Amino acid sequence: MSTTVQTPSRSDFDWQPYAVGGALLLALVFLFHMGIMNLFERWGMQQELSHSYFIPLITAYLLWDRREALRESLGKPHWAGLVMIGLSALLVVGYQTTQIFLIEQVGLIVSIFGAALLFGGVSFTRAAFFPLAFLLFMIPPPFWIITVTSWTFQLWSSELGVAMIRMFGIPVLLTGNVIDLGVTKLQVVEACSGLRYLFPFLSLGALAAYFYKGPLWQRALVLLSTIPITIFMNSFRIALTGVLTSGGDTSHTEGLLHFFEGYVVFIMCIAILLGLIVLLARFSGQKNVLATLGPPECSPIAPRQPWNRNLFMMMAGGAAALVAAVAVLIHTTEQPNYAPDRESFDGLALELRSEGWDVQEKPLDVRTEGVLGADDYIVLDLQSPEGEQINLYTAYLMAQRNGQSWHSPRQCLPGGGWQFEVQEIVSPGEGNAMGHAFNRIVMKKDQVRYLVYYWYNQRGRNIADEIWMKVVLMYDVATTQRSDGAMIRMMTPIHPDETVADADARLAEIYKEELQPKLPAYIPE
């Protein structure tokens, strides 16, 4: 028994399914326009993401390359597409609550798969799976994930790079991410962490695995190998820079030459990946390695039932109307938000002055205030009557939504030239004098060292972990309609004649005795 795929006739063009499909596409663009705009903003702003402009184009090419298989795989529209589009709309609501663009952008990919199911059913979606899944590589991770990952990569690359330098018999000392060669010091900054290689290289690794006609485990190895190759080659670049500057010539650490070295190393990463593919092909007994490379044969997947025009019109039309209505509701309706009454942070400065503290207010410049977007903030240089010095910065948001969220000190402080020697989350429990979780950083610039504590005071909870903060935020919005909160950062200098433990004791004592009793008036619980 044969089946007939009822596609619109070319001789008698049926425009209505295309109109309905176009309406669904426009509705999805409207629903996800904030996430799409953020994609283009991040791609243009971050060099390590600039390759992402090409990913939709590559997806389009891959779909075009298998167009015949897709046409023959066209089957009955599947109801699961409606479910996936509905789920994607919920993810947009999740973004509105948490301000994590990643949630909305993942929802965009989910909606694309949902649209594929609506258009051509399971068989069509299976035939289009890899090109559509490849779109995941265009989604940038949140800034805080990049910050944490970058710091880890900096440490790994620094340690391996120093080991390579020592292989040349050059004495070298590593402190955090600072490489001391005696005659000069090299700081492995965020730009040299290797992430600028990793993100585009992962995309290339996925394409290489796709075009490599080997066993599944070998293709997985090709993709996963991009991570150690990136770390190794970035360490090699650091070691090369260290060896070349060990005589005092620092021209290799900046400018066009340093920029050019980065591209050479990236090309070497690609060469190593190709070498791995050659080895895997030889291991599998392939004599002609080139025969193992090329677009895979994409056989059509026979649909269980033929394409149904009326069902498509009904399901896609209903989805378009539903998505448009949800988009209008989400983007035009102001979400309820309750923020308790509170005192202005100016009152905190007055309280401390009345108790004998020397208080110097340090307002931010207009541009920084605009980026911060806080409803209230204060930056104070404080000196106690006993001469103890700290810097206090706290900012308050009445609502953490509509683009208003926190800028982590882990992102901002390195931009000021500070080098992180220690970066950790201190959990509550024995040995934690603060009484709650907080982020702890020891940082250095030139000969100046500072100890930094910061955490997020979220509706009576003091939270250090930013992921958990977002989870708590979603719960509180759903149960109390509150999304207000504050970030608190304390810093104190580590003087040459004291230890880090002395600075720890100073911050904990000032917080517990002076600040913690006063903060509830300014940061509602």
Protein backbone atom coordinates (compact mmCIF):
# COMPACT_ATOMS: atom_id res chain seq x y z
CA MET A 1 0.00 0.00 0.00
CA SER A 2 1.52 3.33 -1.00
CA THR A 3 1.13 6.70 0.66
CA THR A 4 0.86 10.01 -1.11
CA VAL A 5 2.40 13.15 0.35
CA GLN A 6 -0.21 15.85 -0.19
CA THR A 7 2.03 18.86 -0.67
CA PRO A 8 0.68 22.01 -2.28
CA SER A 9 0.65 21.65 -6.07
CA ARG A 10 3.14 23.76 -7.97
CA SER A 11 0.78 24.10 -10.94
CA ASP A 12 -2.07 25.29 -8.75
CA PHE A 13 -0.26 27.25 -6.04
CA ASP A 14 -2.00 27.06 -2.68
CA TRP A 15 -0.90 30.18 -0.82
CA GLN A 16 -2.98 29.74 2.32
CA PRO A 17 -0.69 27.25 4.14
CA TYR A 18 2.25 29.58 3.49
CA ALA A 19 0.27 32.53 4.84
CA VAL A 20 -0.62 30.62 8.00
CA GLY A 21 2.99 29.46 8.40
CA GLY A 22 4.19 33.05 7.94
CA ALA A 23 1.70 34.26 10.54
CA LEU A 24 3.01 31.69 13.02
CA LEU A 25 6.58 32.79 12.28
CA LEU A 26 5.74 36.46 12.85
CA ALA A 27 3.91 35.64 16.09
CA LEU A 28 6.94 33.71 17.37
CA VAL A 29 9.27 36.58 16.44
CA PHE A 30 7.03 38.97 18.39
CA LEU A 31 6.95 36.62 21.37
CA PHE A 32 10.73 36.17 21.43
CA HIS A 33 11.82 39.60 20.18
CA MET A 34 13.51 40.54 23.47
CA GLY A 35 15.61 37.38 23.42
CA ILE A 36 16.43 37.80 19.72
CA MET A 37 17.53 41.40 20.26
CA ASN A 38 19.74 40.27 23.14
CA LEU A 39 21.34 37.65 20.87
CA PHE A 40 22.44 40.28 18.36
CA GLU A 41 23.58 42.58 21.16
CA ARG A 42 25.75 39.88 22.75
CA TRP A 43 27.17 38.72 19.40
CA GLY A 44 28.29 42.24 18.59
CA MET A 45 29.56 43.04 22.08
CA GLN A 46 31.59 39.91 22.92
CA GLN A 47 34.39 38.85 20.62
CA GLU A 48 34.14 35.21 21.67
CA LEU A 49 30.54 35.17 20.35
CA SER A 50 31.07 37.01 17.06
CA HIS A 51 31.03 33.72 15.12
CA SER A 52 27.38 33.25 16.12
CA TYR A 53 26.19 35.43 13.22
CA PHE A 54 27.09 32.53 10.91
CA ILE A 55 25.25 29.80 12.81
CA PRO A 56 21.74 30.56 11.46
CA LEU A 57 23.26 30.76 7.97
CA ILE A 58 24.95 27.38 8.44
CA THR A 59 21.65 25.92 9.64
CA ALA A 60 19.93 27.30 6.55
CA TYR A 61 22.59 25.71 4.33
CA LEU A 62 22.31 22.34 6.06
CA LEU A 63 18.53 22.39 5.65
CA TRP A 64 18.88 23.33 1.99
CA ASP A 65 21.42 20.56 1.47
CA ARG A 66 18.89 17.97 2.67
CA ARG A 67 15.85 19.62 1.09
CA GLU A 68 14.86 16.54 -0.94
CA ALA A 69 14.94 14.32 2.14
CA LEU A 70 12.89 16.90 4.05
CA ARG A 71 10.31 17.08 1.28
CA GLU A 72 9.92 13.31 1.23
CA SER A 73 9.79 13.18 5.05
CA LEU A 74 6.85 15.58 5.24
CA GLY A 75 4.14 13.91 7.29
CA LYS A 76 1.01 14.58 9.28
CA PRO A 77 1.32 17.62 11.61
CA HIS A 78 1.81 16.43 15.17
CA TRP A 79 0.02 17.74 18.25
CA ALA A 80 3.30 17.70 20.23
CA GLY A 81 4.24 20.83 18.30
CA LEU A 82 1.47 22.71 20.10
CA VAL A 83 2.78 21.44 23.44
CA MET A 84 6.33 22.56 22.65
CA ILE A 85 5.17 26.01 21.52
CA GLY A 86 3.13 26.30 24.71
CA LEU A 87 6.20 25.29 26.73
CA SER A 88 8.27 27.92 24.91
CA ALA A 89 5.72 30.57 25.92
CA LEU A 90 6.11 29.47 29.56
CA LEU A 91 9.87 29.89 29.19
CA VAL A 92 9.28 33.49 28.08
CA VAL A 93 7.32 33.98 31.31
CA GLY A 94 10.28 32.42 33.13
CA TYR A 95 12.56 35.02 31.56
CA GLN A 96 10.20 37.82 32.57
CA THR A 97 10.46 36.57 36.14
CA THR A 98 14.19 35.88 36.39
CA GLN A 99 15.65 38.20 33.73
CA ILE A 100 17.82 35.28 32.54
CA PHE A 101 17.82 35.70 28.76
CA LEU A 102 19.08 32.13 28.43
CA ILE A 103 15.62 30.87 29.44
CA GLU A 104 13.85 32.80 26.69
CA GLN A 105 16.49 31.90 24.11
CA VAL A 106 16.21 28.20 24.91
CA GLY A 107 12.47 28.72 24.54
CA LEU A 108 13.14 30.09 21.06
CA ILE A 109 14.85 26.83 20.07
CA VAL A 110 12.01 24.82 21.64
CA SER A 111 9.50 26.83 19.59
CA ILE A 112 11.45 26.12 16.38
CA PHE A 113 11.24 22.39 17.03
CA GLY A 114 7.56 22.82 17.88
CA ALA A 115 6.97 24.62 14.59
CA ALA A 116 8.76 21.80 12.75
CA LEU A 117 6.44 19.24 14.37
CA LEU A 118 3.43 21.33 13.42
CA PHE A 119 4.63 21.67 9.86
CA GLY A 120 5.73 18.16 8.97
CA GLY A 121 5.29 15.87 11.95
CA VAL A 122 7.80 13.60 13.65
CA SER A 123 9.39 12.28 10.46
CA PHE A 124 10.10 15.79 9.15
CA THR A 125 11.50 16.94 12.51
CA ARG A 126 13.79 13.91 12.73
CA ALA A 127 15.14 14.65 9.25
CA ALA A 128 15.80 18.27 10.26
CA PHE A 129 17.11 17.47 13.74
CA PHE A 130 20.83 18.27 13.46
CA PRO A 131 20.49 21.55 11.53
CA LEU A 132 17.91 22.78 14.04
CA ALA A 133 19.88 21.52 17.06
CA PHE A 134 22.96 23.31 15.71
CA LEU A 135 21.15 26.58 16.49
CA LEU A 136 21.91 25.92 20.18
CA PHE A 137 25.47 27.08 19.50
CA MET A 138 24.20 30.59 18.79
CA ILE A 139 22.86 30.98 22.34
CA PRO A 140 25.36 32.71 24.64
CA PRO A 141 25.58 31.57 28.25
CA PRO A 142 24.74 34.14 30.95
CA PHE A 143 27.51 36.55 31.89
CA TRP A 144 28.00 34.97 35.30
CA ILE A 145 28.59 31.55 33.73
CA ILE A 146 31.18 33.10 31.40
CA THR A 147 32.80 34.79 34.40
CA VAL A 148 33.04 31.57 36.42
CA THR A 149 34.16 29.50 33.43
CA SER A 150 36.67 32.13 32.38
CA TRP A 151 38.24 32.18 35.86
CA THR A 152 38.56 28.38 35.84
CA PHE A 153 40.08 28.40 32.36
CA GLN A 154 42.48 31.16 33.41
CA LEU A 155 43.77 29.05 36.29
CA TRP A 156 44.09 25.87 34.21
CA SER A 157 45.80 27.69 31.35
CA SER A 158 48.12 29.52 33.76
CA GLU A 159 49.19 26.33 35.56
CA LEU A 160 49.79 24.39 32.34
CA GLY A 161 51.49 27.38 30.71
CA VAL A 162 53.88 27.76 33.66
CA ALA A 163 54.70 24.05 33.47
CA MET A 164 55.60 24.52 29.80
CA ILE A 165 57.77 27.57 30.59
CA ARG A 166 59.69 25.57 33.21
CA MET A 167 60.42 22.94 30.55
CA PHE A 168 62.63 25.60 28.91
CA GLY A 169 64.59 26.00 32.15
CA ILE A 170 63.17 29.45 32.85
CA PRO A 171 62.47 30.19 36.54
CA VAL A 172 58.87 31.29 37.00
CA LEU A 173 56.44 31.81 39.88
CA LEU A 174 52.66 31.56 39.56
CA THR A 175 50.41 33.48 41.97
CA GLY A 176 46.75 33.15 41.08
CA ASN A 177 46.70 34.07 37.41
CA VAL A 178 49.85 36.24 37.56
CA ILE A 179 53.03 34.73 36.07
CA ASP A 180 56.18 36.24 37.61
CA LEU A 181 59.22 35.85 35.34
CA GLY A 182 61.46 38.03 37.48
CA VAL A 183 62.15 40.69 34.85
CA THR A 184 58.45 41.07 34.10
CA LYS A 185 55.02 39.85 35.18
CA LEU A 186 52.29 38.49 32.93
CA GLN A 187 48.65 38.56 33.96
CA VAL A 188 46.46 35.92 32.34
CA VAL A 189 43.42 38.16 31.98
CA GLU A 190 39.90 37.09 31.01
CA ALA A 191 40.62 37.79 27.34
CA CYS A 192 43.40 35.16 27.51
CA SER A 193 41.33 32.52 29.29
CA GLY A 194 40.72 30.53 26.11
CA LEU A 195 36.98 31.15 25.90
CA ARG A 196 37.51 33.19 22.74
CA TYR A 197 38.75 29.96 21.18
CA LEU A 198 36.34 27.61 22.91
CA PHE A 199 32.97 28.97 21.77
CA PRO A 200 33.72 29.11 18.03
CA PHE A 201 35.82 25.95 18.28
CA LEU A 202 32.93 24.02 19.84
CA SER A 203 30.75 25.03 16.88
CA LEU A 204 33.45 23.90 14.45
CA GLY A 205 33.84 20.68 16.43
CA ALA A 206 30.12 19.98 16.07
CA LEU A 207 30.33 20.55 12.32
CA ALA A 208 33.44 18.37 12.08
CA ALA A 209 31.65 15.58 13.94
CA TYR A 210 28.68 15.99 11.61
CA PHE A 211 30.78 15.79 8.42
CA TYR A 212 32.99 12.95 9.73
CA LYS A 213 31.62 9.60 8.57
CA GLY A 214 32.83 7.55 11.50
CA PRO A 215 31.28 5.57 14.37
CA LEU A 216 29.17 7.51 16.84
CA TRP A 217 31.77 7.26 19.63
CA GLN A 218 34.44 8.73 17.36
CA ARG A 219 32.18 11.62 16.36
CA ALA A 220 31.44 12.30 20.04
CA LEU A 221 35.19 12.24 20.73
CA VAL A 222 35.78 14.79 17.95
CA LEU A 223 33.28 17.16 19.56
CA LEU A 224 34.46 16.70 23.16
CA SER A 225 38.14 16.99 22.20
CA THR A 226 37.63 20.68 21.43
CA ILE A 227 37.75 21.48 25.17
CA PRO A 228 41.17 19.94 26.04
CA ILE A 229 42.60 21.14 22.70
CA THR A 230 41.51 24.69 23.54
CA ILE A 231 43.03 24.56 27.03
CA PHE A 232 46.29 23.01 25.79
CA MET A 233 46.77 25.45 22.91
CA ASN A 234 45.85 28.45 25.05
CA SER A 235 48.44 27.29 27.60
CA PHE A 236 50.93 26.92 24.75
CA ARG A 237 50.24 30.51 23.72
CA ILE A 238 50.78 31.70 27.30
CA ALA A 239 54.01 29.69 27.53
CA LEU A 240 55.21 31.07 24.20
CA THR A 241 54.51 34.61 25.38
CA GLY A 242 56.34 33.89 28.65
CA VAL A 243 59.41 32.49 26.89
CA LEU A 244 59.56 35.41 24.45
CA THR A 245 59.23 38.00 27.24
CA SER A 246 61.59 36.29 29.71
CA GLY A 247 64.37 38.54 28.42
CA GLY A 248 62.40 41.68 29.20
CA ASP A 249 60.82 42.32 25.78
CA THR A 250 57.08 42.76 26.42
CA SER A 251 56.05 43.54 22.83
CA HIS A 252 54.52 40.05 22.53
CA THR A 253 51.98 40.76 25.27
CA GLU A 254 50.01 43.45 23.46
CA GLY A 255 49.22 45.05 20.15
CA LEU A 256 48.96 43.57 16.67
CA LEU A 257 51.56 40.87 17.28
CA HIS A 258 49.66 39.49 20.29
CA PHE A 259 46.43 39.66 18.29
CA PHE A 260 48.04 37.83 15.36
CA GLU A 261 49.41 35.13 17.68
CA GLY A 262 45.86 34.46 18.84
CA TYR A 263 44.65 33.73 15.32
CA VAL A 264 47.66 31.51 14.61
CA VAL A 265 46.91 29.48 17.73
CA PHE A 266 43.25 29.14 16.70
CA ILE A 267 44.32 27.83 13.28
CA MET A 268 46.60 25.37 15.08
CA CYS A 269 43.60 24.20 17.12
CA ILE A 270 41.78 23.43 13.87
CA ALA A 271 44.86 21.60 12.56
CA ILE A 272 45.01 19.42 15.69
CA LEU A 273 41.31 18.62 15.36
CA LEU A 274 41.82 17.57 11.74
CA GLY A 275 44.82 15.49 12.84
CA LEU A 276 42.62 13.72 15.39
CA ILE A 277 40.09 12.92 12.66
CA VAL A 278 42.88 11.45 10.52
CA LEU A 279 44.05 9.27 13.43
CA LEU A 280 40.52 8.06 14.12
CA ALA A 281 39.99 7.24 10.46
CA ARG A 282 43.27 5.29 10.36
CA PHE A 283 42.29 3.51 13.57
CA SER A 284 39.07 2.40 11.86
CA GLY A 285 41.03 1.01 8.92
CA GLN A 286 40.17 3.79 6.47
CA LYS A 287 42.96 4.23 3.93
CA ASN A 288 41.35 7.17 2.13
CA VAL A 289 40.79 9.71 4.90
CA LEU A 290 39.10 12.19 2.56
CA ALA A 291 36.41 9.61 1.90
CA THR A 292 35.39 9.85 5.56
CA LEU A 293 34.67 13.58 5.28
CA GLY A 294 31.69 15.20 3.64
CA PRO A 295 27.97 15.77 4.12
CA PRO A 296 26.35 12.61 5.44
CA GLU A 297 23.76 10.91 3.31
CA CYS A 298 20.39 12.00 4.60
CA SER A 299 17.78 9.44 3.71
CA PRO A 300 14.16 10.52 3.94
CA ILE A 301 12.19 9.21 6.90
CA ALA A 302 8.94 7.71 5.71
CA PRO A 303 6.00 9.37 7.47
CA ARG A 304 3.37 7.14 9.05
CA GLN A 305 0.63 9.35 7.67
CA PRO A 306 0.70 11.86 4.80
CA TRP A 307 0.70 15.61 5.19
CA ASN A 308 -2.77 16.94 5.92
CA ARG A 309 -3.51 20.45 4.73
CA ASN A 310 -6.64 21.00 6.81
CA LEU A 311 -4.99 19.74 9.98
CA PHE A 312 -1.98 21.97 9.38
CA MET A 313 -4.20 25.01 8.77
CA MET A 314 -6.13 24.34 11.95
CA MET A 315 -3.15 23.61 14.21
CA ALA A 316 -0.75 26.23 12.84
CA GLY A 317 -3.49 28.87 12.64
CA GLY A 318 -4.54 28.15 16.21
CA ALA A 319 -0.92 28.24 17.36
CA ALA A 320 -0.34 31.58 15.60
CA ALA A 321 -3.40 33.12 17.25
CA LEU A 322 -2.48 31.71 20.66
CA VAL A 323 1.16 32.83 20.42
CA ALA A 324 0.13 36.33 19.29
CA ALA A 325 -2.33 36.64 22.18
CA VAL A 326 0.22 35.41 24.73
CA ALA A 327 2.87 37.74 23.30
CA VAL A 328 0.56 40.75 23.59
CA LEU A 329 -0.36 39.73 27.13
CA ILE A 330 3.27 39.27 28.19
CA HIS A 331 4.72 42.35 26.53
CA THR A 332 1.92 44.83 27.23
CA THR A 333 0.66 43.79 30.66
CA GLU A 334 2.56 45.14 33.63
CA GLN A 335 3.18 42.30 36.02
CA PRO A 336 2.07 42.87 39.62
CA ASN A 337 4.91 43.61 41.98
CA TYR A 338 4.77 44.39 45.66
CA ALA A 339 7.67 46.20 47.30
CA PRO A 340 7.45 47.04 51.03
CA ASP A 341 8.13 50.52 52.32
CA ARG A 342 11.75 51.21 53.17
CA GLU A 343 14.11 54.01 54.17
CA SER A 344 16.53 55.59 51.71
CA PHE A 345 20.17 54.50 51.99
CA ASP A 346 21.02 58.12 52.81
CA GLY A 347 19.71 57.38 56.29
CA LEU A 348 22.37 54.69 56.74
CA ALA A 349 25.11 57.25 56.17
CA LEU A 350 23.51 59.57 58.73
CA GLU A 351 23.26 56.76 61.29
CA LEU A 352 26.93 55.89 60.96
CA ARG A 353 28.00 59.54 61.19
CA SER A 354 25.98 59.96 64.38
CA GLU A 355 27.91 57.06 65.91
CA GLY A 356 31.30 58.64 65.27
CA TRP A 357 32.19 57.05 61.91
CA ASP A 358 34.04 59.04 59.29
CA VAL A 359 31.72 58.66 56.27
CA GLN A 360 32.70 59.66 52.73
CA GLU A 361 30.00 59.19 50.09
CA LYS A 362 31.31 58.14 46.65
CA PRO A 363 28.52 58.60 44.08
CA LEU A 364 28.89 56.75 40.79
CA ASP A 365 29.16 58.59 37.49
CA VAL A 366 26.01 59.02 35.39
CA ARG A 367 26.95 56.32 32.87
CA THR A 368 27.61 53.73 35.59
CA GLU A 369 24.36 54.66 37.34
CA GLY A 370 22.51 54.06 34.08
CA VAL A 371 24.10 50.63 33.63
CA LEU A 372 23.39 49.75 37.26
CA GLY A 373 19.73 50.74 37.00
CA ALA A 374 19.20 50.59 40.77
CA ASP A 375 16.25 52.31 42.41
CA ASP A 376 18.50 53.26 45.33
CA TYR A 377 22.18 52.75 46.06
CA ILE A 378 25.01 54.08 48.17
CA VAL A 379 28.79 53.79 48.06
CA LEU A 380 30.59 54.71 51.29
CA ASP A 381 34.20 54.87 52.39
CA LEU A 382 33.96 54.22 56.12
CA GLN A 383 36.45 54.63 58.94
CA SER A 384 35.48 53.58 62.44
CA PRO A 385 36.38 55.62 65.54
CA GLU A 386 39.16 53.03 66.05
CA GLY A 387 40.57 53.70 62.56
CA GLU A 388 39.33 50.55 60.80
CA GLN A 389 38.58 51.15 57.11
CA ILE A 390 36.05 49.50 54.82
CA ASN A 391 34.18 50.36 51.64
CA LEU A 392 30.46 49.59 51.54
CA TYR A 393 28.38 49.40 48.38
CA THR A 394 24.76 48.35 48.43
CA ALA A 395 22.09 48.71 45.76
CA TYR A 396 18.35 48.07 45.92
CA LEU A 397 15.90 47.10 43.17
CA MET A 398 12.16 47.34 43.69
CA ALA A 399 11.65 44.79 40.91
CA GLN A 400 14.16 42.41 39.33
CA ARG A 401 12.54 42.23 35.90
CA ASN A 402 12.28 44.07 32.57
CA GLY A 403 16.05 44.06 32.16
CA GLN A 404 16.80 45.06 35.74
CA SER A 405 19.12 42.59 37.40
CA TRP A 406 22.42 42.46 39.25
CA HIS A 407 25.87 43.07 37.83
CA SER A 408 28.12 40.64 39.65
CA PRO A 409 31.36 42.05 41.12
CA ARG A 410 33.07 39.08 39.48
CA GLN A 411 32.31 40.80 36.17
CA CYS A 412 32.99 44.41 37.17
CA LEU A 413 36.10 44.24 39.35
CA PRO A 414 38.44 42.58 36.80
CA GLY A 415 37.55 45.38 34.39
CA GLY A 416 39.24 47.78 36.80
CA GLY A 417 42.53 45.90 36.50
CA TRP A 418 42.13 43.84 39.67
CA GLN A 419 43.65 40.36 39.72
CA PHE A 420 41.74 37.72 41.69
CA GLU A 421 43.98 35.64 43.93
CA VAL A 422 41.10 33.86 45.70
CA GLN A 423 37.49 33.52 44.60
CA GLU A 424 35.10 31.30 46.56
CA ILE A 425 31.68 30.91 48.12
CA VAL A 426 31.78 30.57 51.90
CA SER A 427 28.92 28.41 53.13
CA PRO A 428 27.16 29.03 56.45
CA GLY A 429 28.32 26.93 59.35
CA GLU A 430 31.21 26.60 61.75
CA GLY A 431 34.01 29.01 60.96
CA ASN A 432 31.75 31.45 59.12
CA ALA A 433 31.69 34.56 61.30
CA MET A 434 29.19 36.33 59.01
CA GLY A 435 26.42 33.87 59.87
CA HIS A 436 25.28 33.34 56.27
CA ALA A 437 26.68 32.43 52.86
CA PHE A 438 28.72 35.02 50.97
CA ASN A 439 31.18 35.36 48.11
CA ARG A 440 34.77 35.96 49.19
CA ILE A 441 37.45 37.45 46.91
CA VAL A 442 41.06 38.36 47.58
CA MET A 443 42.23 40.69 44.82
CA LYS A 444 45.37 42.61 43.98
CA LYS A 445 46.41 45.50 41.75
CA ASP A 446 50.06 46.54 41.74
CA GLN A 447 51.02 46.36 45.44
CA VAL A 448 47.51 46.97 46.78
CA ARG A 449 45.44 44.04 48.07
CA TYR A 450 41.78 43.99 49.07
CA LEU A 451 39.43 41.51 50.68
CA VAL A 452 35.92 41.57 49.21
CA TYR A 453 32.70 40.08 50.56
CA TYR A 454 29.44 40.27 48.63
CA TRP A 455 26.06 38.59 48.67
CA TYR A 456 22.45 39.16 47.68
CA ASN A 457 19.85 40.06 50.29
CA GLN A 458 16.66 38.73 48.73
CA ARG A 459 13.51 39.36 50.77
CA GLY A 460 15.04 38.24 54.06
CA ARG A 461 17.41 35.64 52.61
CA ASN A 462 21.15 36.21 52.29
CA ILE A 463 22.24 34.28 49.19
CA ALA A 464 25.68 33.90 47.61
CA ASP A 465 24.98 31.55 44.70
CA GLU A 466 23.49 33.38 41.72
CA ILE A 467 21.70 30.32 40.34
CA TRP A 468 19.97 29.69 43.65
CA MET A 469 19.10 33.39 43.85
CA LYS A 470 17.17 33.08 40.55
CA VAL A 471 15.35 29.96 41.78
CA VAL A 472 14.30 31.75 44.97
CA LEU A 473 13.23 34.77 42.90
CA MET A 474 10.85 32.67 40.78
CA TYR A 475 9.35 31.11 43.91
CA ASP A 476 8.82 34.46 45.63
CA VAL A 477 7.26 36.07 42.55
CA ALA A 478 4.81 33.17 42.30
CA THR A 479 3.93 33.11 46.01
CA THR A 480 4.30 36.70 47.25
CA GLN A 481 4.47 38.82 44.04
CA ARG A 482 7.73 40.27 45.37
CA SER A 483 10.91 40.58 43.33
CA ASP A 484 12.66 43.34 45.26
CA GLY A 485 16.10 42.79 46.71
CA ALA A 486 19.55 44.17 47.28
CA MET A 487 23.18 43.38 46.67
CA ILE A 488 25.70 44.13 49.41
CA ARG A 489 29.44 44.41 48.86
CA MET A 490 32.04 45.11 51.56
CA MET A 491 35.75 45.68 50.90
CA THR A 492 38.69 46.33 53.16
CA PRO A 493 42.39 46.81 52.41
CA ILE A 494 44.83 44.09 53.42
CA HIS A 495 47.67 46.11 54.89
CA PRO A 496 51.29 44.95 54.47
CA ASP A 497 51.62 44.37 58.21
CA GLU A 498 48.54 42.13 58.53
CA THR A 499 47.25 38.82 57.25
CA VAL A 500 44.14 38.04 55.22
CA ALA A 501 42.67 36.52 58.39
CA ASP A 502 42.96 39.94 60.08
CA ALA A 503 40.98 41.50 57.24
CA ASP A 504 38.40 38.70 57.47
CA ALA A 505 37.93 39.39 61.17
CA ARG A 506 37.57 43.13 60.52
CA LEU A 507 34.81 42.74 57.91
CA ALA A 508 32.90 40.18 59.97
CA GLU A 509 33.07 42.29 63.14
CA ILE A 510 31.94 45.51 61.45
CA TYR A 511 29.12 43.72 59.67
CA LYS A 512 27.80 41.87 62.71
CA GLU A 513 28.08 44.77 65.16
CA GLU A 514 27.40 47.84 63.01
CA LEU A 515 25.73 47.04 59.69
CA GLN A 516 23.56 43.95 60.16
CA PRO A 517 21.34 45.53 62.87
CA LYS A 518 20.75 48.61 60.69
CA LEU A 519 20.13 47.05 57.25
CA PRO A 520 16.51 45.79 57.73
CA ALA A 521 15.25 49.38 57.69
CA TYR A 522 16.75 49.85 54.22
CA ILE A 523 16.41 46.32 52.80
CA PRO A 524 12.97 44.89 53.68
CA GLU A 525 12.79 41.29 54.81
